[in-house]
Amino acid sequence: DEIIVGYSDIFGEDVEDELDSILQNVDTNLDGKISYSEFILATQEKRKFLYANKVEEAFNLFDKDKNGTITPEEVKAVLGAGQEFDDEVWQEIVNEVDQNKDGVIS
């Protein structure tokens, strides 16, 4: 009941439906309660999800033409403002994380 009162400000009238949904997703042993280990697992999964979103946002920041790859030119466009580095420097940055060695980050 305390959770319902606390979350009612956030979810409004649908608070019980939302809490039921949360319980169904987190209560892995289906005992109607959220144990400490279930809580920890749920927060870790949420953290992974948030981290993945941050990585995707960062990738999209660099991927100016939205083609799914980051070129040395795109790295330069984001990081090179006011910098006078040779183009080789931007290629080296890409090469450091280019796993399949195709000259771009994907």
C-alpha atoms as a PDB file:
ATOM      1  CA  ASP A   1       0.000   0.000   0.000  1.00  0.00           C
ATOM      2  CA  GLU A   2       2.875   2.390   0.732  1.00  0.00           C
ATOM      3  CA  ILE A   3       4.245   1.850  -2.754  1.00  0.00           C
ATOM      4  CA  ILE A   4       0.834   2.529  -4.282  1.00  0.00           C
ATOM      5  CA  VAL A   5       0.568   5.823  -2.405  1.00  0.00           C
ATOM      6  CA  GLY A   6       4.111   6.827  -3.377  1.00  0.00           C
ATOM      7  CA  TYR A   7       3.813   5.889  -7.026  1.00  0.00           C
ATOM      8  CA  SER A   8       0.313   7.291  -7.507  1.00  0.00           C
ATOM      9  CA  ASP A   9       1.837  10.741  -7.999  1.00  0.00           C
ATOM     10  CA  ILE A  10       3.945   9.362 -10.857  1.00  0.00           C
ATOM     11  CA  PHE A  11       1.575   6.939 -12.560  1.00  0.00           C
ATOM     12  CA  GLY A  12      -1.783   8.461 -11.601  1.00  0.00           C
ATOM     13  CA  GLU A  13      -4.829   6.220 -11.762  1.00  0.00           C
ATOM     14  CA  ASP A  14      -2.934   3.399 -13.492  1.00  0.00           C
ATOM     15  CA  VAL A  15      -0.589   2.891 -10.549  1.00  0.00           C
ATOM     16  CA  GLU A  16      -1.856  -0.572  -9.619  1.00  0.00           C
ATOM     17  CA  ASP A  17      -1.612  -1.826 -13.200  1.00  0.00           C
ATOM     18  CA  GLU A  18       1.920  -0.447 -13.464  1.00  0.00           C
ATOM     19  CA  LEU A  19       2.985  -2.035 -10.175  1.00  0.00           C
ATOM     20  CA  ASP A  20       1.469  -5.370 -11.237  1.00  0.00           C
ATOM     21  CA  SER A  21       3.491  -5.155 -14.440  1.00  0.00           C
ATOM     22  CA  ILE A  22       6.681  -4.395 -12.499  1.00  0.00           C
ATOM     23  CA  LEU A  23       6.018  -7.284 -10.105  1.00  0.00           C
ATOM     24  CA  GLN A  24       5.420  -9.708 -12.991  1.00  0.00           C
ATOM     25  CA  ASN A  25       8.713  -8.690 -14.612  1.00  0.00           C
ATOM     26  CA  VAL A  26      10.826  -8.716 -11.453  1.00  0.00           C
ATOM     27  CA  ASP A  27       9.299 -11.579  -9.417  1.00  0.00           C
ATOM     28  CA  THR A  28      11.131 -14.401 -11.168  1.00  0.00           C
ATOM     29  CA  ASN A  29      10.135 -17.130  -8.681  1.00  0.00           C
ATOM     30  CA  LEU A  30       6.448 -16.033  -8.814  1.00  0.00           C
ATOM     31  CA  ASP A  31       5.977 -15.884  -5.036  1.00  0.00           C
ATOM     32  CA  GLY A  32       4.234 -12.501  -5.173  1.00  0.00           C
ATOM     33  CA  LYS A  33       7.167 -10.723  -3.550  1.00  0.00           C
ATOM     34  CA  ILE A  34      10.336  -9.058  -4.763  1.00  0.00           C
ATOM     35  CA  SER A  35      13.292 -10.621  -2.974  1.00  0.00           C
ATOM     36  CA  TYR A  36      16.608  -8.878  -2.510  1.00  0.00           C
ATOM     37  CA  SER A  37      18.236 -10.956  -5.254  1.00  0.00           C
ATOM     38  CA  GLU A  38      15.341 -10.261  -7.641  1.00  0.00           C
ATOM     39  CA  PHE A  39      15.646  -6.550  -6.884  1.00  0.00           C
ATOM     40  CA  ILE A  40      19.412  -6.583  -7.508  1.00  0.00           C
ATOM     41  CA  LEU A  41      18.968  -8.515 -10.766  1.00  0.00           C
ATOM     42  CA  ALA A  42      16.312  -6.050 -11.961  1.00  0.00           C
ATOM     43  CA  THR A  43      18.465  -3.020 -11.174  1.00  0.00           C
ATOM     44  CA  GLN A  44      21.459  -4.579 -12.942  1.00  0.00           C
ATOM     45  CA  GLU A  45      19.358  -5.250 -16.027  1.00  0.00           C
ATOM     46  CA  LYS A  46      18.115  -1.656 -15.958  1.00  0.00           C
ATOM     47  CA  ARG A  47      21.702  -0.420 -15.628  1.00  0.00           C
ATOM     48  CA  LYS A  48      22.758  -2.504 -18.645  1.00  0.00           C
ATOM     49  CA  PHE A  49      19.834  -1.102 -20.622  1.00  0.00           C
ATOM     50  CA  LEU A  50      20.744   2.482 -19.689  1.00  0.00           C
ATOM     51  CA  TYR A  51      24.414   1.866 -20.545  1.00  0.00           C
ATOM     52  CA  ALA A  52      23.469   0.439 -23.942  1.00  0.00           C
ATOM     53  CA  ASN A  53      21.318   3.506 -24.605  1.00  0.00           C
ATOM     54  CA  LYS A  54      24.209   5.820 -23.736  1.00  0.00           C
ATOM     55  CA  VAL A  55      26.537   3.939 -26.071  1.00  0.00           C
ATOM     56  CA  GLU A  56      23.962   4.159 -28.863  1.00  0.00           C
ATOM     57  CA  GLU A  57      23.479   7.896 -28.258  1.00  0.00           C
ATOM     58  CA  ALA A  58      27.243   8.460 -28.387  1.00  0.00           C
ATOM     59  CA  PHE A  59      27.542   6.411 -31.582  1.00  0.00           C
ATOM     60  CA  ASN A  60      24.719   8.406 -33.176  1.00  0.00           C
ATOM     61  CA  LEU A  61      26.441  11.647 -32.222  1.00  0.00           C
ATOM     62  CA  PHE A  62      29.445  10.644 -34.336  1.00  0.00           C
ATOM     63  CA  ASP A  63      27.512   8.932 -37.151  1.00  0.00           C
ATOM     64  CA  LYS A  64      26.631  12.181 -38.913  1.00  0.00           C
ATOM     65  CA  ASP A  65      25.271  10.610 -42.107  1.00  0.00           C
ATOM     66  CA  LYS A  66      23.335   7.930 -40.162  1.00  0.00           C
ATOM     67  CA  ASN A  67      24.674   5.060 -42.246  1.00  0.00           C
ATOM     68  CA  GLY A  68      25.645   2.896 -39.274  1.00  0.00           C
ATOM     69  CA  THR A  69      29.390   3.567 -39.446  1.00  0.00           C
ATOM     70  CA  ILE A  70      31.740   6.211 -38.108  1.00  0.00           C
ATOM     71  CA  THR A  71      34.459   7.397 -40.455  1.00  0.00           C
ATOM     72  CA  PRO A  72      37.638   9.278 -39.584  1.00  0.00           C
ATOM     73  CA  GLU A  73      36.012  12.369 -41.110  1.00  0.00           C
ATOM     74  CA  GLU A  74      33.041  12.049 -38.747  1.00  0.00           C
ATOM     75  CA  VAL A  75      35.384  11.691 -35.753  1.00  0.00           C
ATOM     76  CA  LYS A  76      37.173  14.825 -36.920  1.00  0.00           C
ATOM     77  CA  ALA A  77      33.855  16.680 -37.302  1.00  0.00           C
ATOM     78  CA  VAL A  78      32.958  15.943 -33.667  1.00  0.00           C
ATOM     79  CA  LEU A  79      36.344  16.091 -31.940  1.00  0.00           C
ATOM     80  CA  GLY A  80      38.367  18.255 -34.276  1.00  0.00           C
ATOM     81  CA  ALA A  81      36.747  21.652 -33.898  1.00  0.00           C
ATOM     82  CA  GLY A  82      39.610  24.115 -33.688  1.00  0.00           C
ATOM     83  CA  GLN A  83      42.204  21.324 -33.879  1.00  0.00           C
ATOM     84  CA  GLU A  84      44.911  21.208 -36.514  1.00  0.00           C
ATOM     85  CA  PHE A  85      45.797  17.517 -36.639  1.00  0.00           C
ATOM     86  CA  ASP A  86      46.791  15.524 -39.700  1.00  0.00           C
ATOM     87  CA  ASP A  87      44.119  13.238 -41.120  1.00  0.00           C
ATOM     88  CA  GLU A  88      46.276  10.315 -40.000  1.00  0.00           C
ATOM     89  CA  VAL A  89      45.441  11.148 -36.368  1.00  0.00           C
ATOM     90  CA  TRP A  90      41.701  10.713 -36.999  1.00  0.00           C
ATOM     91  CA  GLN A  91      42.323   7.440 -38.828  1.00  0.00           C
ATOM     92  CA  GLU A  92      44.442   6.205 -35.899  1.00  0.00           C
ATOM     93  CA  ILE A  93      41.587   6.980 -33.500  1.00  0.00           C
ATOM     94  CA  VAL A  94      39.224   4.914 -35.644  1.00  0.00           C
ATOM     95  CA  ASN A  95      41.788   2.121 -36.012  1.00  0.00           C
ATOM     96  CA  GLU A  96      42.004   1.767 -32.221  1.00  0.00           C
ATOM     97  CA  VAL A  97      38.392   0.552 -32.031  1.00  0.00           C
ATOM     98  CA  ASP A  98      37.868  -0.801 -35.557  1.00  0.00           C
ATOM     99  CA  GLN A  99      37.401  -4.464 -34.740  1.00  0.00           C
ATOM    100  CA  ASN A 100      37.050  -5.817 -38.269  1.00  0.00           C
ATOM    101  CA  LYS A 101      39.743  -3.519 -39.737  1.00  0.00           C
ATOM    102  CA  ASP A 102      37.557  -2.028 -42.481  1.00  0.00           C
ATOM    103  CA  GLY A 103      38.604   1.550 -41.750  1.00  0.00           C
ATOM    104  CA  VAL A 104      35.361   2.585 -39.989  1.00  0.00           C
ATOM    105  CA  ILE A 105      33.662   1.990 -36.652  1.00  0.00           C
ATOM    106  CA  SER A 106      30.486  -0.058 -36.928  1.00  0.00           C
END
